[in-house]
Amino acid sequence: MSTSKRREESAWKSRKQNQQPHGKVKSLHELSQEQEADQETSTSQRKD
């Protein structure tokens, strides 16, 4: 195995081991519910 191949594999392994998971991806339905909830709270704050 050549040194460049070894470096390439080592870099790939280190990237694989140091992953930063971003968490669960929300569905469009969940996002729309959050948006509606944010709008309701912001409109109720304006009335005060």
C-alpha atoms as a PDB file:
ATOM      1  CA  MET A   1       0.000   0.000   0.000  1.00  0.00           C
ATOM      2  CA  SER A   2       1.436   3.353  -0.962  1.00  0.00           C
ATOM      3  CA  THR A   3       1.805   6.163   1.551  1.00  0.00           C
ATOM      4  CA  SER A   4      -0.736   8.349  -0.247  1.00  0.00           C
ATOM      5  CA  LYS A   5      -3.299   5.549  -0.034  1.00  0.00           C
ATOM      6  CA  ARG A   6      -2.507   5.130   3.670  1.00  0.00           C
ATOM      7  CA  ARG A   7      -2.944   8.860   4.262  1.00  0.00           C
ATOM      8  CA  GLU A   8      -6.212   8.844   2.344  1.00  0.00           C
ATOM      9  CA  GLU A   9      -7.586   5.960   4.415  1.00  0.00           C
ATOM     10  CA  SER A  10      -6.361   7.534   7.647  1.00  0.00           C
ATOM     11  CA  ALA A  11      -8.055  10.824   6.783  1.00  0.00           C
ATOM     12  CA  TRP A  12     -11.282   8.994   5.925  1.00  0.00           C
ATOM     13  CA  LYS A  13     -11.226   7.074   9.224  1.00  0.00           C
ATOM     14  CA  SER A  14     -10.602  10.217  11.256  1.00  0.00           C
ATOM     15  CA  ARG A  15     -13.479  12.022   9.513  1.00  0.00           C
ATOM     16  CA  LYS A  16     -15.707   9.019  10.162  1.00  0.00           C
ATOM     17  CA  GLN A  17     -14.790   8.883  13.864  1.00  0.00           C
ATOM     18  CA  ASN A  18     -15.126  12.639  14.473  1.00  0.00           C
ATOM     19  CA  GLN A  19     -18.619  13.108  13.098  1.00  0.00           C
ATOM     20  CA  GLN A  20     -20.824  15.815  14.579  1.00  0.00           C
ATOM     21  CA  PRO A  21     -24.399  14.518  14.451  1.00  0.00           C
ATOM     22  CA  HIS A  22     -26.991  17.219  13.893  1.00  0.00           C
ATOM     23  CA  GLY A  23     -29.892  15.391  15.449  1.00  0.00           C
ATOM     24  CA  LYS A  24     -33.204  14.286  14.038  1.00  0.00           C
ATOM     25  CA  VAL A  25     -34.376  16.047  10.898  1.00  0.00           C
ATOM     26  CA  LYS A  26     -37.882  17.423  11.365  1.00  0.00           C
ATOM     27  CA  SER A  27     -40.694  16.768   8.942  1.00  0.00           C
ATOM     28  CA  LEU A  28     -42.509  19.588   7.162  1.00  0.00           C
ATOM     29  CA  HIS A  29     -45.526  18.989   9.385  1.00  0.00           C
ATOM     30  CA  GLU A  30     -43.441  19.445  12.545  1.00  0.00           C
ATOM     31  CA  LEU A  31     -41.841  22.584  11.158  1.00  0.00           C
ATOM     32  CA  SER A  32     -45.223  24.093  10.239  1.00  0.00           C
ATOM     33  CA  GLN A  33     -46.544  23.357  13.743  1.00  0.00           C
ATOM     34  CA  GLU A  34     -43.571  25.140  15.293  1.00  0.00           C
ATOM     35  CA  GLN A  35     -44.063  28.093  12.965  1.00  0.00           C
ATOM     36  CA  GLU A  36     -47.726  28.362  13.939  1.00  0.00           C
ATOM     37  CA  ALA A  37     -46.858  28.154  17.632  1.00  0.00           C
ATOM     38  CA  ASP A  38     -44.246  30.904  17.243  1.00  0.00           C
ATOM     39  CA  GLN A  39     -46.737  33.133  15.438  1.00  0.00           C
ATOM     40  CA  GLU A  40     -49.371  32.621  18.143  1.00  0.00           C
ATOM     41  CA  THR A  41     -46.964  33.559  20.931  1.00  0.00           C
ATOM     42  CA  SER A  42     -45.675  36.606  19.077  1.00  0.00           C
ATOM     43  CA  THR A  43     -49.204  37.914  18.385  1.00  0.00           C
ATOM     44  CA  SER A  44     -50.273  37.391  22.008  1.00  0.00           C
ATOM     45  CA  GLN A  45     -47.216  39.345  23.193  1.00  0.00           C
ATOM     46  CA  ARG A  46     -48.084  42.295  20.934  1.00  0.00           C
ATOM     47  CA  LYS A  47     -51.568  42.625  22.461  1.00  0.00           C
ATOM     48  CA  ASP A  48     -50.149  43.129  25.973  1.00  0.00           C
END
